[in-house]
All heavy atoms as atom14 arrays in JSON, in Angstrom:
{
  "sequence": "AEKPKPEAVGVRVVAAWSGGSADIPSSIDRVPKFTEDVKKLGVE",
  "atom14_mask": [
    [1, 1, 1, 1, 1, 0, 0, 0, 0, 0, 0, 0, 0, 0],
    [1, 1, 1, 1, 1, 1, 1, 1, 1, 0, 0, 0, 0, 0],
    [1, 1, 1, 1, 1, 1, 1, 1, 1, 0, 0, 0, 0, 0],
    [1, 1, 1, 1, 1, 1, 1, 0, 0, 0, 0, 0, 0, 0],
    [1, 1, 1, 1, 1, 1, 1, 1, 1, 0, 0, 0, 0, 0],
    [1, 1, 1, 1, 1, 1, 1, 0, 0, 0, 0, 0, 0, 0],
    [1, 1, 1, 1, 1, 1, 1, 1, 1, 0, 0, 0, 0, 0],
    [1, 1, 1, 1, 1, 0, 0, 0, 0, 0, 0, 0, 0, 0],
    [1, 1, 1, 1, 1, 1, 1, 0, 0, 0, 0, 0, 0, 0],
    [1, 1, 1, 1, 0, 0, 0, 0, 0, 0, 0, 0, 0, 0],
    [1, 1, 1, 1, 1, 1, 1, 0, 0, 0, 0, 0, 0, 0],
    [1, 1, 1, 1, 1, 1, 1, 1, 1, 1, 1, 0, 0, 0],
    [1, 1, 1, 1, 1, 1, 1, 0, 0, 0, 0, 0, 0, 0],
    [1, 1, 1, 1, 1, 1, 1, 0, 0, 0, 0, 0, 0, 0],
    [1, 1, 1, 1, 1, 0, 0, 0, 0, 0, 0, 0, 0, 0],
    [1, 1, 1, 1, 1, 0, 0, 0, 0, 0, 0, 0, 0, 0],
    [1, 1, 1, 1, 1, 1, 1, 1, 1, 1, 1, 1, 1, 1],
    [1, 1, 1, 1, 1, 1, 0, 0, 0, 0, 0, 0, 0, 0],
    [1, 1, 1, 1, 0, 0, 0, 0, 0, 0, 0, 0, 0, 0],
    [1, 1, 1, 1, 0, 0, 0, 0, 0, 0, 0, 0, 0, 0],
    [1, 1, 1, 1, 1, 1, 0, 0, 0, 0, 0, 0, 0, 0],
    [1, 1, 1, 1, 1, 0, 0, 0, 0, 0, 0, 0, 0, 0],
    [1, 1, 1, 1, 1, 1, 1, 1, 0, 0, 0, 0, 0, 0],
    [1, 1, 1, 1, 1, 1, 1, 1, 0, 0, 0, 0, 0, 0],
    [1, 1, 1, 1, 1, 1, 1, 0, 0, 0, 0, 0, 0, 0],
    [1, 1, 1, 1, 1, 1, 0, 0, 0, 0, 0, 0, 0, 0],
    [1, 1, 1, 1, 1, 1, 0, 0, 0, 0, 0, 0, 0, 0],
    [1, 1, 1, 1, 1, 1, 1, 1, 0, 0, 0, 0, 0, 0],
    [1, 1, 1, 1, 1, 1, 1, 1, 0, 0, 0, 0, 0, 0],
    [1, 1, 1, 1, 1, 1, 1, 1, 1, 1, 1, 0, 0, 0],
    [1, 1, 1, 1, 1, 1, 1, 0, 0, 0, 0, 0, 0, 0],
    [1, 1, 1, 1, 1, 1, 1, 0, 0, 0, 0, 0, 0, 0],
    [1, 1, 1, 1, 1, 1, 1, 1, 1, 0, 0, 0, 0, 0],
    [1, 1, 1, 1, 1, 1, 1, 1, 1, 1, 1, 0, 0, 0],
    [1, 1, 1, 1, 1, 1, 1, 0, 0, 0, 0, 0, 0, 0],
    [1, 1, 1, 1, 1, 1, 1, 1, 1, 0, 0, 0, 0, 0],
    [1, 1, 1, 1, 1, 1, 1, 1, 0, 0, 0, 0, 0, 0],
    [1, 1, 1, 1, 1, 1, 1, 0, 0, 0, 0, 0, 0, 0],
    [1, 1, 1, 1, 1, 1, 1, 1, 1, 0, 0, 0, 0, 0],
    [1, 1, 1, 1, 1, 1, 1, 1, 1, 0, 0, 0, 0, 0],
    [1, 1, 1, 1, 1, 1, 1, 1, 0, 0, 0, 0, 0, 0],
    [1, 1, 1, 1, 0, 0, 0, 0, 0, 0, 0, 0, 0, 0],
    [1, 1, 1, 1, 1, 1, 1, 0, 0, 0, 0, 0, 0, 0],
    [1, 1, 1, 1, 1, 1, 1, 1, 1, 0, 0, 0, 0, 0]
  ],
  "atom14_positions": [
    [[122.0, 128.38, 106.76], [123.09, 129.05, 106.07], [124.26, 129.32, 107.02], [124.07, 129.53, 108.23], [122.6, 130.37, 105.47], [0.0, 0.0, 0.0], [0.0, 0.0, 0.0], [0.0, 0.0, 0.0], [0.0, 0.0, 0.0], [0.0, 0.0, 0.0], [0.0, 0.0, 0.0], [0.0, 0.0, 0.0], [0.0, 0.0, 0.0], [0.0, 0.0, 0.0]],
    [[125.47, 129.31, 106.48], [126.64, 129.58, 107.31], [126.54, 130.95, 107.98], [126.89, 131.11, 109.14], [127.91, 129.51, 106.45], [129.19, 129.67, 107.25], [130.44, 129.51, 106.39], [130.3, 129.07, 105.23], [131.54, 129.81, 106.89], [0.0, 0.0, 0.0], [0.0, 0.0, 0.0], [0.0, 0.0, 0.0], [0.0, 0.0, 0.0], [0.0, 0.0, 0.0]],
    [[126.03, 131.91, 107.23], [125.78, 133.24, 107.78], [124.34, 133.63, 107.44], [124.09, 134.37, 106.49], [126.76, 134.26, 107.21], [128.2, 134.04, 107.64], [129.12, 135.13, 107.1], [130.56, 134.92, 107.54], [131.46, 135.98, 106.99], [0.0, 0.0, 0.0], [0.0, 0.0, 0.0], [0.0, 0.0, 0.0], [0.0, 0.0, 0.0], [0.0, 0.0, 0.0]],
    [[123.37, 133.14, 108.22], [121.97, 133.44, 107.9], [121.67, 134.93, 108.03], [122.33, 135.65, 108.79], [121.2, 132.63, 108.95], [122.15, 132.4, 110.05], [123.51, 132.33, 109.43], [0.0, 0.0, 0.0], [0.0, 0.0, 0.0], [0.0, 0.0, 0.0], [0.0, 0.0, 0.0], [0.0, 0.0, 0.0], [0.0, 0.0, 0.0], [0.0, 0.0, 0.0]],
    [[120.7, 135.38, 107.27], [120.26, 136.76, 107.39], [119.71, 136.99, 108.79], [119.22, 136.07, 109.44], [119.21, 137.07, 106.33], [119.77, 137.02, 104.91], [118.71, 137.33, 103.87], [119.28, 137.25, 102.46], [118.26, 137.54, 101.43], [0.0, 0.0, 0.0], [0.0, 0.0, 0.0], [0.0, 0.0, 0.0], [0.0, 0.0, 0.0], [0.0, 0.0, 0.0]],
    [[119.79, 138.24, 109.29], [119.35, 138.5, 110.67], [117.96, 137.98, 110.98], [117.71, 137.47, 112.08], [119.4, 140.03, 110.76], [120.43, 140.42, 109.76], [120.31, 139.44, 108.63], [0.0, 0.0, 0.0], [0.0, 0.0, 0.0], [0.0, 0.0, 0.0], [0.0, 0.0, 0.0], [0.0, 0.0, 0.0], [0.0, 0.0, 0.0], [0.0, 0.0, 0.0]],
    [[117.05, 138.07, 110.01], [115.67, 137.62, 110.24], [115.55, 136.11, 110.38], [114.54, 135.62, 110.88], [114.77, 138.07, 109.08], [114.71, 139.56, 108.86], [115.74, 140.04, 107.84], [116.79, 139.36, 107.67], [115.49, 141.09, 107.21], [0.0, 0.0, 0.0], [0.0, 0.0, 0.0], [0.0, 0.0, 0.0], [0.0, 0.0, 0.0], [0.0, 0.0, 0.0]],
    [[116.59, 135.38, 109.96], [116.55, 133.92, 110.02], [117.37, 133.35, 111.18], [117.39, 132.14, 111.39], [117.05, 133.33, 108.7], [0.0, 0.0, 0.0], [0.0, 0.0, 0.0], [0.0, 0.0, 0.0], [0.0, 0.0, 0.0], [0.0, 0.0, 0.0], [0.0, 0.0, 0.0], [0.0, 0.0, 0.0], [0.0, 0.0, 0.0], [0.0, 0.0, 0.0]],
    [[118.02, 134.21, 111.92], [118.85, 133.75, 113.04], [117.96, 133.26, 114.18], [116.94, 133.86, 114.5], [119.76, 134.9, 113.53], [120.46, 134.51, 114.83], [120.78, 135.25, 112.46], [0.0, 0.0, 0.0], [0.0, 0.0, 0.0], [0.0, 0.0, 0.0], [0.0, 0.0, 0.0], [0.0, 0.0, 0.0], [0.0, 0.0, 0.0], [0.0, 0.0, 0.0]],
    [[118.36, 132.15, 114.78], [117.66, 131.67, 115.97], [116.89, 130.38, 115.79], [116.38, 129.83, 116.76], [0.0, 0.0, 0.0], [0.0, 0.0, 0.0], [0.0, 0.0, 0.0], [0.0, 0.0, 0.0], [0.0, 0.0, 0.0], [0.0, 0.0, 0.0], [0.0, 0.0, 0.0], [0.0, 0.0, 0.0], [0.0, 0.0, 0.0], [0.0, 0.0, 0.0]],
    [[116.81, 129.88, 114.56], [116.15, 128.6, 114.3], [117.02, 127.82, 113.32], [117.45, 128.37, 112.29], [114.74, 128.79, 113.69], [114.12, 127.44, 113.34], [113.84, 129.56, 114.65], [0.0, 0.0, 0.0], [0.0, 0.0, 0.0], [0.0, 0.0, 0.0], [0.0, 0.0, 0.0], [0.0, 0.0, 0.0], [0.0, 0.0, 0.0], [0.0, 0.0, 0.0]],
    [[117.27, 126.57, 113.63], [118.1, 125.73, 112.76], [117.44, 124.37, 112.6], [117.02, 123.75, 113.59], [119.5, 125.57, 113.34], [120.46, 124.81, 112.43], [121.88, 124.81, 112.94], [122.77, 124.12, 112.02], [123.33, 124.67, 110.95], [123.1, 125.95, 110.7], [124.12, 123.99, 110.14], [0.0, 0.0, 0.0], [0.0, 0.0, 0.0], [0.0, 0.0, 0.0]],
    [[117.35, 123.88, 111.36], [116.76, 122.57, 111.1], [117.78, 121.49, 111.44], [118.89, 121.49, 110.9], [116.33, 122.43, 109.62], [115.72, 121.06, 109.38], [115.35, 123.54, 109.24], [0.0, 0.0, 0.0], [0.0, 0.0, 0.0], [0.0, 0.0, 0.0], [0.0, 0.0, 0.0], [0.0, 0.0, 0.0], [0.0, 0.0, 0.0], [0.0, 0.0, 0.0]],
    [[117.41, 120.58, 112.34], [118.35, 119.56, 112.79], [117.89, 118.14, 112.48], [118.71, 117.22, 112.47], [118.63, 119.69, 114.3], [119.23, 121.05, 114.64], [117.37, 119.44, 115.13], [0.0, 0.0, 0.0], [0.0, 0.0, 0.0], [0.0, 0.0, 0.0], [0.0, 0.0, 0.0], [0.0, 0.0, 0.0], [0.0, 0.0, 0.0], [0.0, 0.0, 0.0]],
    [[116.59, 117.94, 112.25], [116.09, 116.57, 112.03], [114.89, 116.62, 111.1], [114.18, 117.63, 111.01], [115.7, 115.92, 113.35], [0.0, 0.0, 0.0], [0.0, 0.0, 0.0], [0.0, 0.0, 0.0], [0.0, 0.0, 0.0], [0.0, 0.0, 0.0], [0.0, 0.0, 0.0], [0.0, 0.0, 0.0], [0.0, 0.0, 0.0], [0.0, 0.0, 0.0]],
    [[114.66, 115.5, 110.4], [113.53, 115.41, 109.48], [113.07, 113.97, 109.35], [113.86, 113.03, 109.52], [113.9, 115.97, 108.11], [0.0, 0.0, 0.0], [0.0, 0.0, 0.0], [0.0, 0.0, 0.0], [0.0, 0.0, 0.0], [0.0, 0.0, 0.0], [0.0, 0.0, 0.0], [0.0, 0.0, 0.0], [0.0, 0.0, 0.0], [0.0, 0.0, 0.0]],
    [[111.78, 113.81, 109.06], [111.17, 112.51, 108.77], [110.62, 112.59, 107.36], [109.92, 113.52, 107.0], [110.07, 112.22, 109.77], [109.31, 110.96, 109.5], [109.72, 109.68, 109.75], [107.99, 110.86, 108.95], [108.74, 108.78, 109.37], [107.67, 109.48, 108.88], [107.05, 111.79, 108.5], [106.46, 109.02, 108.38], [105.84, 111.34, 107.99], [105.55, 109.97, 107.94]],
    [[110.91, 111.59, 106.52], [110.66, 111.71, 105.09], [109.19, 111.66, 104.69], [108.72, 112.48, 103.91], [111.43, 110.63, 104.33], [112.82, 110.83, 104.47], [0.0, 0.0, 0.0], [0.0, 0.0, 0.0], [0.0, 0.0, 0.0], [0.0, 0.0, 0.0], [0.0, 0.0, 0.0], [0.0, 0.0, 0.0], [0.0, 0.0, 0.0], [0.0, 0.0, 0.0]],
    [[108.44, 110.66, 105.15], [107.04, 110.56, 104.79], [106.83, 110.29, 103.31], [107.6, 109.59, 102.65], [0.0, 0.0, 0.0], [0.0, 0.0, 0.0], [0.0, 0.0, 0.0], [0.0, 0.0, 0.0], [0.0, 0.0, 0.0], [0.0, 0.0, 0.0], [0.0, 0.0, 0.0], [0.0, 0.0, 0.0], [0.0, 0.0, 0.0], [0.0, 0.0, 0.0]],
    [[105.75, 110.86, 102.76], [105.4, 110.67, 101.35], [104.1, 109.88, 101.22], [103.86, 108.95, 101.98], [0.0, 0.0, 0.0], [0.0, 0.0, 0.0], [0.0, 0.0, 0.0], [0.0, 0.0, 0.0], [0.0, 0.0, 0.0], [0.0, 0.0, 0.0], [0.0, 0.0, 0.0], [0.0, 0.0, 0.0], [0.0, 0.0, 0.0], [0.0, 0.0, 0.0]],
    [[103.26, 110.26, 100.24], [101.98, 109.59, 100.0], [102.05, 108.78, 98.7], [102.23, 109.35, 97.62], [100.86, 110.63, 99.9], [100.67, 111.27, 101.15], [0.0, 0.0, 0.0], [0.0, 0.0, 0.0], [0.0, 0.0, 0.0], [0.0, 0.0, 0.0], [0.0, 0.0, 0.0], [0.0, 0.0, 0.0], [0.0, 0.0, 0.0], [0.0, 0.0, 0.0]],
    [[101.87, 107.47, 98.82], [102.07, 106.57, 97.69], [101.06, 106.81, 96.57], [101.36, 106.52, 95.4], [101.97, 105.12, 98.16], [0.0, 0.0, 0.0], [0.0, 0.0, 0.0], [0.0, 0.0, 0.0], [0.0, 0.0, 0.0], [0.0, 0.0, 0.0], [0.0, 0.0, 0.0], [0.0, 0.0, 0.0], [0.0, 0.0, 0.0], [0.0, 0.0, 0.0]],
    [[99.87, 107.34, 96.89], [98.86, 107.53, 95.86], [98.89, 108.92, 95.23], [97.99, 109.28, 94.46], [97.46, 107.22, 96.4], [97.08, 108.07, 97.6], [97.95, 108.79, 98.13], [95.9, 108.01, 98.01], [0.0, 0.0, 0.0], [0.0, 0.0, 0.0], [0.0, 0.0, 0.0], [0.0, 0.0, 0.0], [0.0, 0.0, 0.0], [0.0, 0.0, 0.0]],
    [[99.93, 109.71, 95.54], [100.14, 111.0, 94.88], [101.56, 110.99, 94.31], [102.53, 111.18, 95.04], [99.96, 112.18, 95.85], [98.56, 112.17, 96.45], [100.23, 113.5, 95.14], [98.31, 113.3, 97.44], [0.0, 0.0, 0.0], [0.0, 0.0, 0.0], [0.0, 0.0, 0.0], [0.0, 0.0, 0.0], [0.0, 0.0, 0.0], [0.0, 0.0, 0.0]],
    [[101.71, 110.73, 93.02], [103.06, 110.63, 92.44], [103.94, 111.84, 92.69], [105.14, 111.7, 92.93], [102.76, 110.45, 90.93], [101.42, 109.8, 90.89], [100.65, 110.41, 92.02], [0.0, 0.0, 0.0], [0.0, 0.0, 0.0], [0.0, 0.0, 0.0], [0.0, 0.0, 0.0], [0.0, 0.0, 0.0], [0.0, 0.0, 0.0], [0.0, 0.0, 0.0]],
    [[103.36, 113.04, 92.66], [104.17, 114.24, 92.89], [104.66, 114.34, 94.32], [105.52, 115.15, 94.64], [103.37, 115.49, 92.54], [102.19, 115.61, 93.35], [0.0, 0.0, 0.0], [0.0, 0.0, 0.0], [0.0, 0.0, 0.0], [0.0, 0.0, 0.0], [0.0, 0.0, 0.0], [0.0, 0.0, 0.0], [0.0, 0.0, 0.0], [0.0, 0.0, 0.0]],
    [[104.14, 113.5, 95.2], [104.63, 113.39, 96.58], [105.71, 112.31, 96.67], [106.88, 112.59, 96.89], [103.48, 113.07, 97.54], [103.96, 112.63, 98.79], [0.0, 0.0, 0.0], [0.0, 0.0, 0.0], [0.0, 0.0, 0.0], [0.0, 0.0, 0.0], [0.0, 0.0, 0.0], [0.0, 0.0, 0.0], [0.0, 0.0, 0.0], [0.0, 0.0, 0.0]],
    [[105.32, 111.06, 96.47], [106.22, 109.95, 96.74], [107.44, 109.95, 95.82], [108.55, 109.56, 96.23], [105.46, 108.6, 96.65], [106.24, 107.49, 97.32], [105.09, 108.27, 95.21], [106.39, 107.65, 98.82], [0.0, 0.0, 0.0], [0.0, 0.0, 0.0], [0.0, 0.0, 0.0], [0.0, 0.0, 0.0], [0.0, 0.0, 0.0], [0.0, 0.0, 0.0]],
    [[107.29, 110.42, 94.59], [108.4, 110.38, 93.64], [109.5, 111.36, 93.99], [110.64, 111.21, 93.52], [107.9, 110.67, 92.22], [107.03, 109.55, 91.67], [106.96, 108.48, 92.31], [106.4, 109.76, 90.6], [0.0, 0.0, 0.0], [0.0, 0.0, 0.0], [0.0, 0.0, 0.0], [0.0, 0.0, 0.0], [0.0, 0.0, 0.0], [0.0, 0.0, 0.0]],
    [[109.19, 112.36, 94.81], [110.19, 113.38, 95.12], [110.89, 113.17, 96.45], [111.85, 113.87, 96.77], [109.54, 114.77, 95.08], [109.04, 115.13, 93.69], [108.7, 116.6, 93.57], [107.48, 116.95, 94.28], [106.96, 118.19, 94.3], [107.57, 119.17, 93.65], [105.84, 118.43, 94.94], [0.0, 0.0, 0.0], [0.0, 0.0, 0.0], [0.0, 0.0, 0.0]],
    [[110.4, 112.22, 97.23], [110.97, 112.01, 98.56], [112.47, 111.67, 98.53], [113.25, 112.26, 99.29], [110.19, 110.93, 99.33], [110.93, 110.49, 100.6], [108.81, 111.45, 99.69], [0.0, 0.0, 0.0], [0.0, 0.0, 0.0], [0.0, 0.0, 0.0], [0.0, 0.0, 0.0], [0.0, 0.0, 0.0], [0.0, 0.0, 0.0], [0.0, 0.0, 0.0]],
    [[112.93, 110.74, 97.7], [114.36, 110.38, 97.74], [115.29, 111.57, 97.48], [116.28, 111.75, 98.21], [114.48, 109.32, 96.63], [113.12, 108.72, 96.53], [112.18, 109.86, 96.76], [0.0, 0.0, 0.0], [0.0, 0.0, 0.0], [0.0, 0.0, 0.0], [0.0, 0.0, 0.0], [0.0, 0.0, 0.0], [0.0, 0.0, 0.0], [0.0, 0.0, 0.0]],
    [[114.97, 112.38, 96.47], [115.85, 113.5, 96.16], [115.87, 114.54, 97.28], [116.94, 115.0, 97.7], [115.41, 114.18, 94.86], [116.31, 115.35, 94.47], [115.83, 116.04, 93.22], [116.81, 117.13, 92.78], [117.06, 118.14, 93.82], [0.0, 0.0, 0.0], [0.0, 0.0, 0.0], [0.0, 0.0, 0.0], [0.0, 0.0, 0.0], [0.0, 0.0, 0.0]],
    [[114.69, 114.92, 97.76], [114.66, 115.95, 98.79], [115.24, 115.44, 100.11], [115.8, 116.23, 100.89], [113.24, 116.48, 98.98], [112.72, 117.27, 97.8], [111.4, 117.18, 97.41], [113.57, 118.09, 97.08], [110.93, 117.9, 96.32], [113.11, 118.82, 95.99], [111.79, 118.73, 95.6], [0.0, 0.0, 0.0], [0.0, 0.0, 0.0], [0.0, 0.0, 0.0]],
    [[115.13, 114.16, 100.37], [115.77, 113.58, 101.56], [117.28, 113.73, 101.47], [117.94, 114.16, 102.42], [115.38, 112.11, 101.72], [113.96, 112.0, 101.89], [116.08, 111.49, 102.92], [0.0, 0.0, 0.0], [0.0, 0.0, 0.0], [0.0, 0.0, 0.0], [0.0, 0.0, 0.0], [0.0, 0.0, 0.0], [0.0, 0.0, 0.0], [0.0, 0.0, 0.0]],
    [[117.83, 113.41, 100.33], [119.28, 113.56, 100.14], [119.69, 115.03, 100.2], [120.74, 115.37, 100.75], [119.71, 112.94, 98.81], [119.67, 111.43, 98.8], [120.52, 110.84, 99.91], [121.69, 111.25, 100.06], [120.01, 109.97, 100.64], [0.0, 0.0, 0.0], [0.0, 0.0, 0.0], [0.0, 0.0, 0.0], [0.0, 0.0, 0.0], [0.0, 0.0, 0.0]],
    [[118.87, 115.9, 99.64], [119.2, 117.34, 99.63], [119.29, 117.9, 101.05], [120.21, 118.65, 101.37], [118.14, 118.12, 98.84], [118.26, 117.9, 97.34], [119.3, 117.37, 96.88], [117.3, 118.25, 96.63], [0.0, 0.0, 0.0], [0.0, 0.0, 0.0], [0.0, 0.0, 0.0], [0.0, 0.0, 0.0], [0.0, 0.0, 0.0], [0.0, 0.0, 0.0]],
    [[118.34, 117.54, 101.92], [118.39, 118.1, 103.28], [119.48, 117.43, 104.11], [120.06, 118.06, 105.0], [117.02, 118.03, 103.99], [115.99, 118.87, 103.25], [116.53, 116.62, 104.18], [0.0, 0.0, 0.0], [0.0, 0.0, 0.0], [0.0, 0.0, 0.0], [0.0, 0.0, 0.0], [0.0, 0.0, 0.0], [0.0, 0.0, 0.0], [0.0, 0.0, 0.0]],
    [[119.78, 116.15, 103.83], [120.9, 115.51, 104.52], [122.2, 116.26, 104.25], [123.03, 116.44, 105.15], [121.04, 114.05, 104.06], [120.02, 113.11, 104.69], [120.1, 111.72, 104.08], [121.39, 111.02, 104.41], [121.41, 109.63, 103.87], [0.0, 0.0, 0.0], [0.0, 0.0, 0.0], [0.0, 0.0, 0.0], [0.0, 0.0, 0.0], [0.0, 0.0, 0.0]],
    [[122.38, 116.72, 103.02], [123.59, 117.47, 102.66], [123.66, 118.82, 103.38], [124.73, 119.43, 103.46], [123.63, 117.68, 101.15], [123.84, 116.4, 100.37], [123.74, 116.66, 98.86], [123.87, 115.37, 98.07], [123.68, 115.58, 96.61], [0.0, 0.0, 0.0], [0.0, 0.0, 0.0], [0.0, 0.0, 0.0], [0.0, 0.0, 0.0], [0.0, 0.0, 0.0]],
    [[122.53, 119.27, 103.91], [122.49, 120.54, 104.63], [122.63, 120.33, 106.14], [122.38, 121.24, 106.93], [121.19, 121.27, 104.32], [121.03, 121.72, 102.86], [119.62, 122.21, 102.58], [122.04, 122.82, 102.52], [0.0, 0.0, 0.0], [0.0, 0.0, 0.0], [0.0, 0.0, 0.0], [0.0, 0.0, 0.0], [0.0, 0.0, 0.0], [0.0, 0.0, 0.0]],
    [[123.03, 119.12, 106.53], [123.32, 118.85, 107.94], [122.14, 118.38, 108.76], [122.18, 118.45, 109.99], [0.0, 0.0, 0.0], [0.0, 0.0, 0.0], [0.0, 0.0, 0.0], [0.0, 0.0, 0.0], [0.0, 0.0, 0.0], [0.0, 0.0, 0.0], [0.0, 0.0, 0.0], [0.0, 0.0, 0.0], [0.0, 0.0, 0.0], [0.0, 0.0, 0.0]],
    [[121.1, 117.87, 108.1], [119.89, 117.45, 108.8], [119.89, 115.94, 108.99], [120.12, 115.18, 108.04], [118.64, 117.88, 108.01], [117.37, 117.39, 108.68], [118.62, 119.4, 107.85], [0.0, 0.0, 0.0], [0.0, 0.0, 0.0], [0.0, 0.0, 0.0], [0.0, 0.0, 0.0], [0.0, 0.0, 0.0], [0.0, 0.0, 0.0], [0.0, 0.0, 0.0]],
    [[119.6, 115.5, 110.2], [119.51, 114.07, 110.51], [118.14, 113.54, 110.06], [117.11, 114.14, 110.35], [119.66, 113.84, 112.0], [119.5, 112.39, 112.43], [119.49, 112.2, 113.94], [119.57, 113.21, 114.68], [119.38, 111.03, 114.38], [0.0, 0.0, 0.0], [0.0, 0.0, 0.0], [0.0, 0.0, 0.0], [0.0, 0.0, 0.0], [0.0, 0.0, 0.0]]
  ]
}
């Protein structure tokens, strides 16, 4: 967050690896959307 709450200060997400399990639809089907969502939050 631009102004994180005091309890959240000191840790920032900077990178992510997408992953996903092909034999669990609720996993693999959601990877593209959540990948785009975190990219928009400044995550590589």
